[in-house]
PDB file of N, CA and C in Angstrom:
ATOM      1  N   MET A   1      38.292  29.140 -41.288  1.00  0.00           N
ATOM      2  CA  MET A   1      37.187  30.066 -41.223  1.00  0.00           C
ATOM      3  C   MET A   1      36.497  30.134 -42.579  1.00  0.00           C
ATOM      4  N   GLY A   2      35.185  30.228 -42.554  1.00  0.00           N
ATOM      5  CA  GLY A   2      34.428  30.329 -43.792  1.00  0.00           C
ATOM      6  C   GLY A   2      34.394  31.744 -44.318  1.00  0.00           C
ATOM      7  N   ARG A   3      33.962  31.854 -45.544  1.00  0.00           N
ATOM      8  CA  ARG A   3      33.829  33.174 -46.144  1.00  0.00           C
ATOM      9  C   ARG A   3      32.630  33.886 -45.546  1.00  0.00           C
ATOM     10  N   THR A   4      32.743  35.178 -45.404  1.00  0.00           N
ATOM     11  CA  THR A   4      31.611  35.957 -44.910  1.00  0.00           C
ATOM     12  C   THR A   4      31.016  36.751 -46.061  1.00  0.00           C
ATOM     13  N   ASN A   5      29.730  36.975 -45.965  1.00  0.00           N
ATOM     14  CA  ASN A   5      29.055  37.810 -46.954  1.00  0.00           C
ATOM     15  C   ASN A   5      29.278  39.276 -46.605  1.00  0.00           C
ATOM     16  N   PRO A   6      29.324  40.135 -47.613  1.00  0.00           N
ATOM     17  CA  PRO A   6      29.423  41.567 -47.308  1.00  0.00           C
ATOM     18  C   PRO A   6      28.145  42.016 -46.590  1.00  0.00           C
ATOM     19  N   THR A   7      28.273  43.038 -45.762  1.00  0.00           N
ATOM     20  CA  THR A   7      27.082  43.547 -45.091  1.00  0.00           C
ATOM     21  C   THR A   7      26.125  44.112 -46.130  1.00  0.00           C
ATOM     22  N   PHE A   8      24.868  44.160 -45.762  1.00  0.00           N
ATOM     23  CA  PHE A   8      23.886  44.690 -46.694  1.00  0.00           C
ATOM     24  C   PHE A   8      24.164  46.161 -46.992  1.00  0.00           C
ATOM     25  N   ARG A   9      24.652  46.881 -46.016  1.00  0.00           N
ATOM     26  CA  ARG A   9      25.007  48.293 -46.261  1.00  0.00           C
ATOM     27  C   ARG A   9      26.100  48.395 -47.320  1.00  0.00           C
ATOM     28  N   ASN A  10      27.073  47.491 -47.281  1.00  0.00           N
ATOM     29  CA  ASN A  10      28.117  47.481 -48.313  1.00  0.00           C
ATOM     30  C   ASN A  10      27.525  47.123 -49.676  1.00  0.00           C
ATOM     31  N   VAL A  11      26.601  46.176 -49.676  1.00  0.00           N
ATOM     32  CA  VAL A  11      25.929  45.806 -50.925  1.00  0.00           C
ATOM     33  C   VAL A  11      25.176  47.015 -51.487  1.00  0.00           C
ATOM     34  N   LEU A  12      24.496  47.752 -50.602  1.00  0.00           N
ATOM     35  CA  LEU A  12      23.772  48.948 -51.044  1.00  0.00           C
ATOM     36  C   LEU A  12      24.721  49.978 -51.651  1.00  0.00           C
ATOM     37  N   ARG A  13      25.855  50.183 -50.995  1.00  0.00           N
ATOM     38  CA  ARG A  13      26.829  51.136 -51.545  1.00  0.00           C
ATOM     39  C   ARG A  13      27.285  50.697 -52.935  1.00  0.00           C
ATOM     40  N   GLY A  14      27.491  49.397 -53.102  1.00  0.00           N
ATOM     41  CA  GLY A  14      27.871  48.883 -54.414  1.00  0.00           C
ATOM     42  C   GLY A  14      26.779  49.108 -55.455  1.00  0.00           C
ATOM     43  N   LEU A  15      25.523  48.894 -55.055  1.00  0.00           N
ATOM     44  CA  LEU A  15      24.413  49.134 -55.981  1.00  0.00           C
ATOM     45  C   LEU A  15      24.315  50.613 -56.339  1.00  0.00           C
ATOM     46  N   GLU A  16      24.506  51.465 -55.340  1.00  0.00           N
ATOM     47  CA  GLU A  16      24.478  52.908 -55.609  1.00  0.00           C
ATOM     48  C   GLU A  16      25.564  53.288 -56.605  1.00  0.00           C
ATOM     49  N   ASP A  17      26.759  52.741 -56.424  1.00  0.00           N
ATOM     50  CA  ASP A  17      27.854  53.014 -57.369  1.00  0.00           C
ATOM     51  C   ASP A  17      27.486  52.515 -58.764  1.00  0.00           C
ATOM     52  N   GLU A  18      26.918  51.324 -58.815  1.00  0.00           N
ATOM     53  CA  GLU A  18      26.539  50.725 -60.098  1.00  0.00           C
ATOM     54  C   GLU A  18      25.498  51.566 -60.838  1.00  0.00           C
ATOM     55  N   TRP A  19      24.597  52.217 -60.087  1.00  0.00           N
ATOM     56  CA  TRP A  19      23.507  52.989 -60.682  1.00  0.00           C
ATOM     57  C   TRP A  19      23.855  54.465 -60.905  1.00  0.00           C
ATOM     58  N   GLN A  20      25.092  54.863 -60.604  1.00  0.00           N
ATOM     59  CA  GLN A  20      25.476  56.268 -60.779  1.00  0.00           C
ATOM     60  C   GLN A  20      25.355  56.752 -62.224  1.00  0.00           C
ATOM     61  N   PRO A  21      25.725  55.968 -63.233  1.00  0.00           N
ATOM     62  CA  PRO A  21      25.523  56.466 -64.605  1.00  0.00           C
ATOM     63  C   PRO A  21      24.043  56.755 -64.903  1.00  0.00           C
ATOM     64  N   TYR A  22      23.159  55.914 -64.396  1.00  0.00           N
ATOM     65  CA  TYR A  22      21.719  56.148 -64.571  1.00  0.00           C
ATOM     66  C   TYR A  22      21.317  57.441 -63.874  1.00  0.00           C
ATOM     67  N   ARG A  23      21.786  57.615 -62.632  1.00  0.00           N
ATOM     68  CA  ARG A  23      21.449  58.824 -61.872  1.00  0.00           C
ATOM     69  C   ARG A  23      21.924  60.075 -62.607  1.00  0.00           C
ATOM     70  N   ARG A  24      23.156  60.042 -63.104  1.00  0.00           N
ATOM     71  CA  ARG A  24      23.700  61.214 -63.807  1.00  0.00           C
ATOM     72  C   ARG A  24      22.899  61.545 -65.058  1.00  0.00           C
ATOM     73  N   ALA A  25      22.301  60.540 -65.676  1.00  0.00           N
ATOM     74  CA  ALA A  25      21.520  60.772 -66.894  1.00  0.00           C
ATOM     75  C   ALA A  25      20.132  61.343 -66.601  1.00  0.00           C
ATOM     76  N   LEU A  26      19.710  61.273 -65.346  1.00  0.00           N
ATOM     77  CA  LEU A  26      18.403  61.814 -64.984  1.00  0.00           C
ATOM     78  C   LEU A  26      18.442  63.343 -64.949  1.00  0.00           C
ATOM     79  N   ARG A  27      17.285  63.953 -65.141  1.00  0.00           N
ATOM     80  CA  ARG A  27      17.181  65.395 -64.936  1.00  0.00           C
ATOM     81  C   ARG A  27      17.456  65.677 -63.463  1.00  0.00           C
ATOM     82  N   TYR A  28      17.926  66.879 -63.180  1.00  0.00           N
ATOM     83  CA  TYR A  28      18.290  67.232 -61.811  1.00  0.00           C
ATOM     84  C   TYR A  28      17.126  66.999 -60.851  1.00  0.00           C
ATOM     85  N   ARG A  29      15.919  67.414 -61.233  1.00  0.00           N
ATOM     86  CA  ARG A  29      14.759  67.262 -60.335  1.00  0.00           C
ATOM     87  C   ARG A  29      14.464  65.788 -60.063  1.00  0.00           C
ATOM     88  N   ASP A  30      14.764  64.931 -61.008  1.00  0.00           N
ATOM     89  CA  ASP A  30      14.535  63.502 -60.825  1.00  0.00           C
ATOM     90  C   ASP A  30      15.644  62.856 -59.996  1.00  0.00           C
ATOM     91  N   GLN A  31      16.840  63.410 -60.057  1.00  0.00           N
ATOM     92  CA  GLN A  31      17.943  62.884 -59.254  1.00  0.00           C
ATOM     93  C   GLN A  31      17.603  62.941 -57.771  1.00  0.00           C
ATOM     94  N   GLN A  32      16.936  64.007 -57.358  1.00  0.00           N
ATOM     95  CA  GLN A  32      16.567  64.145 -55.949  1.00  0.00           C
ATOM     96  C   GLN A  32      15.609  63.031 -55.526  1.00  0.00           C
ATOM     97  N   HIS A  33      14.686  62.678 -56.394  1.00  0.00           N
ATOM     98  CA  HIS A  33      13.747  61.602 -56.085  1.00  0.00           C
ATOM     99  C   HIS A  33      14.461  60.247 -56.090  1.00  0.00           C
ATOM    100  N   PHE A  34      15.347  60.072 -57.013  1.00  0.00           N
ATOM    101  CA  PHE A  34      16.147  58.847 -57.066  1.00  0.00           C
ATOM    102  C   PHE A  34      16.936  58.683 -55.765  1.00  0.00           C
ATOM    103  N   ASP A  35      17.569  59.771 -55.332  1.00  0.00           N
ATOM    104  CA  ASP A  35      18.334  59.736 -54.080  1.00  0.00           C
ATOM    105  C   ASP A  35      17.433  59.373 -52.904  1.00  0.00           C
ATOM    106  N   GLN A  36      16.209  59.889 -52.910  1.00  0.00           N
ATOM    107  CA  GLN A  36      15.282  59.579 -51.828  1.00  0.00           C
ATOM    108  C   GLN A  36      14.941  58.094 -51.805  1.00  0.00           C
ATOM    109  N   LEU A  37      14.777  57.496 -52.964  1.00  0.00           N
ATOM    110  CA  LEU A  37      14.491  56.065 -53.014  1.00  0.00           C
ATOM    111  C   LEU A  37      15.630  55.257 -52.396  1.00  0.00           C
ATOM    112  N   LEU A  38      16.850  55.662 -52.685  1.00  0.00           N
ATOM    113  CA  LEU A  38      17.993  54.960 -52.096  1.00  0.00           C
ATOM    114  C   LEU A  38      18.061  55.190 -50.589  1.00  0.00           C
ATOM    115  N   THR A  39      17.635  56.359 -50.144  1.00  0.00           N
ATOM    116  CA  THR A  39      17.562  56.623 -48.709  1.00  0.00           C
ATOM    117  C   THR A  39      16.574  55.671 -48.049  1.00  0.00           C
ATOM    118  N   TYR A  40      15.445  55.440 -48.706  1.00  0.00           N
ATOM    119  CA  TYR A  40      14.459  54.483 -48.180  1.00  0.00           C
ATOM    120  C   TYR A  40      15.096  53.099 -48.027  1.00  0.00           C
ATOM    121  N   ALA A  41      15.855  52.694 -49.008  1.00  0.00           N
ATOM    122  CA  ALA A  41      16.505  51.378 -48.942  1.00  0.00           C
ATOM    123  C   ALA A  41      17.484  51.332 -47.778  1.00  0.00           C
ATOM    124  N   ARG A  42      18.250  52.408 -47.585  1.00  0.00           N
ATOM    125  CA  ARG A  42      19.215  52.441 -46.482  1.00  0.00           C
ATOM    126  C   ARG A  42      18.516  52.404 -45.132  1.00  0.00           C
ATOM    127  N   GLU A  43      17.332  53.013 -45.044  1.00  0.00           N
ATOM    128  CA  GLU A  43      16.597  53.031 -43.774  1.00  0.00           C
ATOM    129  C   GLU A  43      16.153  51.639 -43.350  1.00  0.00           C
ATOM    130  N   HIS A  44      16.097  50.708 -44.290  1.00  0.00           N
ATOM    131  CA  HIS A  44      15.689  49.340 -43.972  1.00  0.00           C
ATOM    132  C   HIS A  44      16.835  48.348 -44.198  1.00  0.00           C
ATOM    133  N   ALA A  45      18.064  48.849 -44.122  1.00  0.00           N
ATOM    134  CA  ALA A  45      19.224  47.996 -44.370  1.00  0.00           C
ATOM    135  C   ALA A  45      19.332  46.872 -43.341  1.00  0.00           C
ATOM    136  N   ASP A  46      18.940  47.138 -42.104  1.00  0.00           N
ATOM    137  CA  ASP A  46      19.015  46.077 -41.088  1.00  0.00           C
ATOM    138  C   ASP A  46      18.123  44.903 -41.470  1.00  0.00           C
ATOM    139  N   ALA A  47      16.908  45.203 -41.926  1.00  0.00           N
ATOM    140  CA  ALA A  47      15.992  44.132 -42.334  1.00  0.00           C
ATOM    141  C   ALA A  47      16.527  43.427 -43.576  1.00  0.00           C
ATOM    142  N   GLY A  48      17.054  44.187 -44.518  1.00  0.00           N
ATOM    143  CA  GLY A  48      17.617  43.588 -45.724  1.00  0.00           C
ATOM    144  C   GLY A  48      18.790  42.677 -45.413  1.00  0.00           C
ATOM    145  N   GLY A  49      19.577  43.068 -44.415  1.00  0.00           N
ATOM    146  CA  GLY A  49      20.708  42.245 -44.008  1.00  0.00           C
ATOM    147  C   GLY A  49      20.269  40.936 -43.365  1.00  0.00           C
ATOM    148  N   GLN A  50      19.153  40.963 -42.666  1.00  0.00           N
ATOM    149  CA  GLN A  50      18.634  39.744 -42.050  1.00  0.00           C
ATOM    150  C   GLN A  50      18.183  38.748 -43.110  1.00  0.00           C
ATOM    151  N   LEU A  51      17.688  39.256 -44.214  1.00  0.00           N
ATOM    152  CA  LEU A  51      17.203  38.388 -45.281  1.00  0.00           C
ATOM    153  C   LEU A  51      18.361  37.679 -45.979  1.00  0.00           C
ATOM    154  N   ASN A  52      19.461  38.403 -46.187  1.00  0.00           N
ATOM    155  CA  ASN A  52      20.640  37.841 -46.848  1.00  0.00           C
ATOM    156  C   ASN A  52      20.263  37.172 -48.172  1.00  0.00           C
ATOM    157  N   HIS A  53      19.477  37.876 -48.951  1.00  0.00           N
ATOM    158  CA  HIS A  53      18.966  37.359 -50.220  1.00  0.00           C
ATOM    159  C   HIS A  53      20.075  37.318 -51.265  1.00  0.00           C
ATOM    160  N   THR A  54      20.002  36.342 -52.149  1.00  0.00           N
ATOM    161  CA  THR A  54      21.031  36.225 -53.195  1.00  0.00           C
ATOM    162  C   THR A  54      20.925  37.343 -54.221  1.00  0.00           C
ATOM    163  N   GLU A  55      19.748  37.939 -54.362  1.00  0.00           N
ATOM    164  CA  GLU A  55      19.555  39.065 -55.276  1.00  0.00           C
ATOM    165  C   GLU A  55      19.226  40.306 -54.444  1.00  0.00           C
ATOM    166  N   PRO A  56      20.200  41.181 -54.218  1.00  0.00           N
ATOM    167  CA  PRO A  56      19.989  42.307 -53.307  1.00  0.00           C
ATOM    168  C   PRO A  56      18.940  43.313 -53.778  1.00  0.00           C
ATOM    169  N   MET A  57      18.625  43.328 -55.061  1.00  0.00           N
ATOM    170  CA  MET A  57      17.616  44.289 -55.516  1.00  0.00           C
ATOM    171  C   MET A  57      16.236  43.976 -54.953  1.00  0.00           C
ATOM    172  N   TYR A  58      15.956  42.717 -54.624  1.00  0.00           N
ATOM    173  CA  TYR A  58      14.642  42.382 -54.062  1.00  0.00           C
ATOM    174  C   TYR A  58      14.401  43.082 -52.733  1.00  0.00           C
ATOM    175  N   PRO A  59      15.298  42.968 -51.747  1.00  0.00           N
ATOM    176  CA  PRO A  59      15.053  43.701 -50.506  1.00  0.00           C
ATOM    177  C   PRO A  59      15.122  45.218 -50.697  1.00  0.00           C
ATOM    178  N   VAL A  60      15.933  45.687 -51.639  1.00  0.00           N
ATOM    179  CA  VAL A  60      15.981  47.132 -51.914  1.00  0.00           C
ATOM    180  C   VAL A  60      14.623  47.596 -52.417  1.00  0.00           C
ATOM    181  N   LEU A  61      14.080  46.893 -53.397  1.00  0.00           N
ATOM    182  CA  LEU A  61      12.792  47.296 -53.964  1.00  0.00           C
ATOM    183  C   LEU A  61      11.660  47.163 -52.951  1.00  0.00           C
ATOM    184  N   LEU A  62      11.703  46.128 -52.137  1.00  0.00           N
ATOM    185  CA  LEU A  62      10.674  45.972 -51.117  1.00  0.00           C
ATOM    186  C   LEU A  62      10.792  47.075 -50.067  1.00  0.00           C
ATOM    187  N   SER A  63      12.000  47.460 -49.708  1.00  0.00           N
ATOM    188  CA  SER A  63      12.194  48.559 -48.761  1.00  0.00           C
ATOM    189  C   SER A  63      11.633  49.863 -49.310  1.00  0.00           C
ATOM    190  N   ILE A  64      11.870  50.113 -50.581  1.00  0.00           N
ATOM    191  CA  ILE A  64      11.327  51.314 -51.222  1.00  0.00           C
ATOM    192  C   ILE A  64       9.806  51.256 -51.233  1.00  0.00           C
ATOM    193  N   ALA A  65       9.248  50.110 -51.593  1.00  0.00           N
ATOM    194  CA  ALA A  65       7.788  49.959 -51.617  1.00  0.00           C
ATOM    195  C   ALA A  65       7.205  50.132 -50.215  1.00  0.00           C
ATOM    196  N   LEU A  66       7.885  49.614 -49.206  1.00  0.00           N
ATOM    197  CA  LEU A  66       7.419  49.755 -47.833  1.00  0.00           C
ATOM    198  C   LEU A  66       7.353  51.223 -47.433  1.00  0.00           C
ATOM    199  N   GLU A  67       8.398  51.975 -47.726  1.00  0.00           N
ATOM    200  CA  GLU A  67       8.404  53.399 -47.402  1.00  0.00           C
ATOM    201  C   GLU A  67       7.319  54.152 -48.168  1.00  0.00           C
ATOM    202  N   GLN A  68       7.109  53.783 -49.421  1.00  0.00           N
ATOM    203  CA  GLN A  68       6.041  54.415 -50.196  1.00  0.00           C
ATOM    204  C   GLN A  68       4.684  54.107 -49.571  1.00  0.00           C
ATOM    205  N   GLU A  69       4.499  52.873 -49.100  1.00  0.00           N
ATOM    206  CA  GLU A  69       3.240  52.482 -48.448  1.00  0.00           C
ATOM    207  C   GLU A  69       3.031  53.274 -47.161  1.00  0.00           C
ATOM    208  N   ILE A  70       4.093  53.458 -46.393  1.00  0.00           N
ATOM    209  CA  ILE A  70       4.012  54.239 -45.159  1.00  0.00           C
ATOM    210  C   ILE A  70       3.618  55.676 -45.475  1.00  0.00           C
ATOM    211  N   ARG A  71       4.262  56.260 -46.478  1.00  0.00           N
ATOM    212  CA  ARG A  71       3.935  57.644 -46.866  1.00  0.00           C
ATOM    213  C   ARG A  71       2.498  57.749 -47.350  1.00  0.00           C
ATOM    214  N   LEU A  72       2.063  56.792 -48.135  1.00  0.00           N
ATOM    215  CA  LEU A  72       0.697  56.799 -48.643  1.00  0.00           C
ATOM    216  C   LEU A  72      -0.310  56.712 -47.499  1.00  0.00           C
ATOM    217  N   ALA A  73      -0.055  55.841 -46.530  1.00  0.00           N
ATOM    218  CA  ALA A  73      -0.963  55.701 -45.385  1.00  0.00           C
ATOM    219  C   ALA A  73      -1.044  57.004 -44.595  1.00  0.00           C
ATOM    220  N   LYS A  74       0.085  57.676 -44.401  1.00  0.00           N
ATOM    221  CA  LYS A  74       0.084  58.953 -43.684  1.00  0.00           C
ATOM    222  C   LYS A  74      -0.712  60.004 -44.445  1.00  0.00           C
ATOM    223  N   LEU A  75      -0.535  60.052 -45.749  1.00  0.00           N
ATOM    224  CA  LEU A  75      -1.280  61.014 -46.560  1.00  0.00           C
ATOM    225  C   LEU A  75      -2.777  60.726 -46.530  1.00  0.00           C
ATOM    226  N   GLU A  76      -3.138  59.449 -46.606  1.00  0.00           N
ATOM    227  CA  GLU A  76      -4.557  59.090 -46.543  1.00  0.00           C
ATOM    228  C   GLU A  76      -5.156  59.481 -45.196  1.00  0.00           C
ATOM    229  N   GLU A  77      -4.403  59.275 -44.133  1.00  0.00           N
ATOM    230  CA  GLU A  77      -4.886  59.667 -42.804  1.00  0.00           C
ATOM    231  C   GLU A  77      -5.062  61.181 -42.720  1.00  0.00           C
ATOM    232  N   ARG A  78      -4.109  61.906 -43.288  1.00  0.00           N
ATOM    233  CA  ARG A  78      -4.206  63.378 -43.288  1.00  0.00           C
ATOM    234  C   ARG A  78      -5.422  63.839 -44.079  1.00  0.00           C
ATOM    235  N   VAL A  79      -5.681  63.226 -45.210  1.00  0.00           N
ATOM    236  CA  VAL A  79      -6.853  63.579 -46.014  1.00  0.00           C
ATOM    237  C   VAL A  79      -8.130  63.309 -45.214  1.00  0.00           C
ATOM    238  N   ARG A  80      -8.204  62.152 -44.548  1.00  0.00           N
ATOM    239  CA  ARG A  80      -9.383  61.833 -43.718  1.00  0.00           C
ATOM    240  C   ARG A  80      -9.572  62.880 -42.632  1.00  0.00           C
ATOM    241  N   ASP A  81      -8.480  63.271 -41.970  1.00  0.00           N
ATOM    242  CA  ASP A  81      -8.567  64.287 -40.923  1.00  0.00           C
ATOM    243  C   ASP A  81      -9.084  65.614 -41.474  1.00  0.00           C
ATOM    244  N   LEU A  82      -8.567  66.013 -42.618  1.00  0.00           N
ATOM    245  CA  LEU A  82      -9.009  67.261 -43.233  1.00  0.00           C
ATOM    246  C   LEU A  82     -10.468  67.184 -43.672  1.00  0.00           C
ATOM    247  N   GLU A  83     -10.876  66.035 -44.206  1.00  0.00           N
ATOM    248  CA  GLU A  83     -12.278  65.857 -44.601  1.00  0.00           C
ATOM    249  C   GLU A  83     -13.195  65.939 -43.383  1.00  0.00           C
ATOM    250  N   THR A  84     -12.749  65.362 -42.265  1.00  0.00           N
ATOM    251  CA  THR A  84     -13.532  65.424 -41.031  1.00  0.00           C
ATOM    252  C   THR A  84     -13.658  66.866 -40.561  1.00  0.00           C
ATOM    253  N   GLU A  85     -12.578  67.621 -40.611  1.00  0.00           N
ATOM    254  CA  GLU A  85     -12.613  69.036 -40.238  1.00  0.00           C
ATOM    255  C   GLU A  85     -13.604  69.804 -41.095  1.00  0.00           C
ATOM    256  N   VAL A  86     -13.566  69.580 -42.391  1.00  0.00           N
ATOM    257  CA  VAL A  86     -14.461  70.275 -43.311  1.00  0.00           C
ATOM    258  C   VAL A  86     -15.909  69.874 -43.040  1.00  0.00           C
ATOM    259  N   ASP A  87     -16.145  68.578 -42.846  1.00  0.00           N
ATOM    260  CA  ASP A  87     -17.503  68.103 -42.559  1.00  0.00           C
ATOM    261  C   ASP A  87     -18.042  68.715 -41.272  1.00  0.00           C
ATOM    262  N   GLU A  88     -17.197  68.779 -40.231  1.00  0.00           N
ATOM    263  CA  GLU A  88     -17.632  69.360 -38.963  1.00  0.00           C
ATOM    264  C   GLU A  88     -17.919  70.845 -39.104  1.00  0.00           C
ATOM    265  N   ARG A  89     -17.082  71.527 -39.864  1.00  0.00           N
ATOM    266  CA  ARG A  89     -17.291  72.954 -40.085  1.00  0.00           C
ATOM    267  C   ARG A  89     -18.580  73.190 -40.866  1.00  0.00           C
ATOM    268  N   ASP A  90     -18.847  72.357 -41.865  1.00  0.00           N
ATOM    269  CA  ASP A  90     -20.048  72.504 -42.667  1.00  0.00           C
ATOM    270  C   ASP A  90     -21.314  72.180 -41.872  1.00  0.00           C
ATOM    271  N   SER A  91     -21.220  71.244 -40.932  1.00  0.00           N
ATOM    272  CA  SER A  91     -22.408  70.850 -40.176  1.00  0.00           C
ATOM    273  C   SER A  91     -22.648  71.781 -38.977  1.00  0.00           C
ATOM    274  N   ASN A  92     -21.694  72.624 -38.647  1.00  0.00           N
ATOM    275  CA  ASN A  92     -21.833  73.571 -37.545  1.00  0.00           C
ATOM    276  C   ASN A  92     -21.549  75.000 -38.009  1.00  0.00           C
ATOM    277  N   PRO A  93     -22.379  75.528 -38.921  1.00  0.00           N
ATOM    278  CA  PRO A  93     -22.094  76.891 -39.379  1.00  0.00           C
ATOM    279  C   PRO A  93     -22.285  77.855 -38.203  1.00  0.00           C
ATOM    280  N   GLY A  94     -21.394  78.723 -38.105  1.00  0.00           N
ATOM    281  CA  GLY A  94     -21.603  79.506 -36.933  1.00  0.00           C
ATOM    282  C   GLY A  94     -20.886  80.688 -36.755  1.00  0.00           C
TER     283      GLY A  94
END
């Protein structure tokens, strides 16, 4: 039998352990944001596992960027909706 690669979730846990000294050095308010970034990576662990990249930080960083892009798109849509509401209210004083 050949050797198997660790699952991407296991790789993520290892990276989280490796980055714990950095996390502990962050201010408390920043630790929460750091934790959220790792949550984003875990949410895309299935895709990262499919890639099976030799450098696990690449799929981690891309997963984080993907989640940031999703959040940004939602915020932009919300801003457009609010602008439309304001425009409609301004054009129909009543």
